[in-house]
Each structure stands twice: as C-alpha cells, then as structure tokens.
C-alpha cells in the first residue's frame, strides 16, 4: 500500500541478538533471551 500511495518507506533491520529489557529484568545470561542469528541473504 505504501508504494501505491507514492510513499518511500525506510525499513530498518536491527540485530541485537536478544531482548535487552528482559535481560535486565530476568538475568543477563538466561537462554530464552537469546535470538538466533538470521541469514538475511
């Protein structure tokens, strides 16, 4: 829809390998806060 309306969106992909807020609350080294590395290619 954005292209149909003539808009030029900017898409950002952020890779921080985990959830920072949850790490601060539940523990820095808890396994469930880890996000697997994605292959974007």
C-alpha atoms as a PDB file:
ATOM      1  CA  UNK A   1       0.000   0.000   0.000  1.00  0.00           C
ATOM      2  CA  UNK A   2       2.867   2.395   0.707  1.00  0.00           C
ATOM      3  CA  UNK A   3       4.181   2.102  -2.850  1.00  0.00           C
ATOM      4  CA  UNK A   4       0.726   2.528  -4.331  1.00  0.00           C
ATOM      5  CA  UNK A   5       0.344   5.767  -2.369  1.00  0.00           C
ATOM      6  CA  UNK A   6       3.732   7.029  -3.608  1.00  0.00           C
ATOM      7  CA  UNK A   7       5.403   6.775  -0.217  1.00  0.00           C
ATOM      8  CA  UNK A   8       9.045   5.810   0.169  1.00  0.00           C
ATOM      9  CA  UNK A   9       9.337   3.783   3.378  1.00  0.00           C
ATOM     10  CA  UNK A  10      12.632   3.161   5.108  1.00  0.00           C
ATOM     11  CA  UNK A  11      12.933  -0.329   6.573  1.00  0.00           C
ATOM     12  CA  UNK A  12      15.482  -0.943   9.314  1.00  0.00           C
ATOM     13  CA  UNK A  13      16.576  -4.391  10.424  1.00  0.00           C
ATOM     14  CA  UNK A  14      18.076  -4.297  13.893  1.00  0.00           C
ATOM     15  CA  UNK A  15      20.096  -7.209  15.174  1.00  0.00           C
ATOM     16  CA  UNK A  16      20.886  -7.030  18.865  1.00  0.00           C
ATOM     17  CA  UNK A  17      20.993 -10.837  19.418  1.00  0.00           C
ATOM     18  CA  UNK A  18      18.452 -10.718  22.219  1.00  0.00           C
ATOM     19  CA  UNK A  19      15.976  -8.856  24.337  1.00  0.00           C
ATOM     20  CA  UNK A  20      17.778  -6.199  26.375  1.00  0.00           C
ATOM     21  CA  UNK A  21      14.944  -5.227  28.729  1.00  0.00           C
ATOM     22  CA  UNK A  22      14.181  -8.842  29.579  1.00  0.00           C
ATOM     23  CA  UNK A  23      17.884  -9.471  30.181  1.00  0.00           C
ATOM     24  CA  UNK A  24      17.945  -6.644  32.710  1.00  0.00           C
ATOM     25  CA  UNK A  25      14.835  -7.948  34.475  1.00  0.00           C
ATOM     26  CA  UNK A  26      15.312 -11.739  34.337  1.00  0.00           C
ATOM     27  CA  UNK A  27      19.070 -12.133  34.054  1.00  0.00           C
ATOM     28  CA  UNK A  28      21.779 -11.348  31.529  1.00  0.00           C
ATOM     29  CA  UNK A  29      22.611 -14.967  30.682  1.00  0.00           C
ATOM     30  CA  UNK A  30      19.189 -16.641  30.517  1.00  0.00           C
ATOM     31  CA  UNK A  31      18.962 -18.788  27.370  1.00  0.00           C
ATOM     32  CA  UNK A  32      15.390 -17.748  26.495  1.00  0.00           C
ATOM     33  CA  UNK A  33      16.507 -14.152  25.871  1.00  0.00           C
ATOM     34  CA  UNK A  34      18.802 -15.243  23.025  1.00  0.00           C
ATOM     35  CA  UNK A  35      17.561 -14.702  19.481  1.00  0.00           C
ATOM     36  CA  UNK A  36      19.089 -16.997  16.851  1.00  0.00           C
ATOM     37  CA  UNK A  37      21.273 -15.354  14.211  1.00  0.00           C
ATOM     38  CA  UNK A  38      19.360 -14.972  10.932  1.00  0.00           C
ATOM     39  CA  UNK A  39      20.875 -15.379   7.469  1.00  0.00           C
ATOM     40  CA  UNK A  40      19.482 -12.349   5.621  1.00  0.00           C
ATOM     41  CA  UNK A  41      20.992 -13.318   2.290  1.00  0.00           C
END
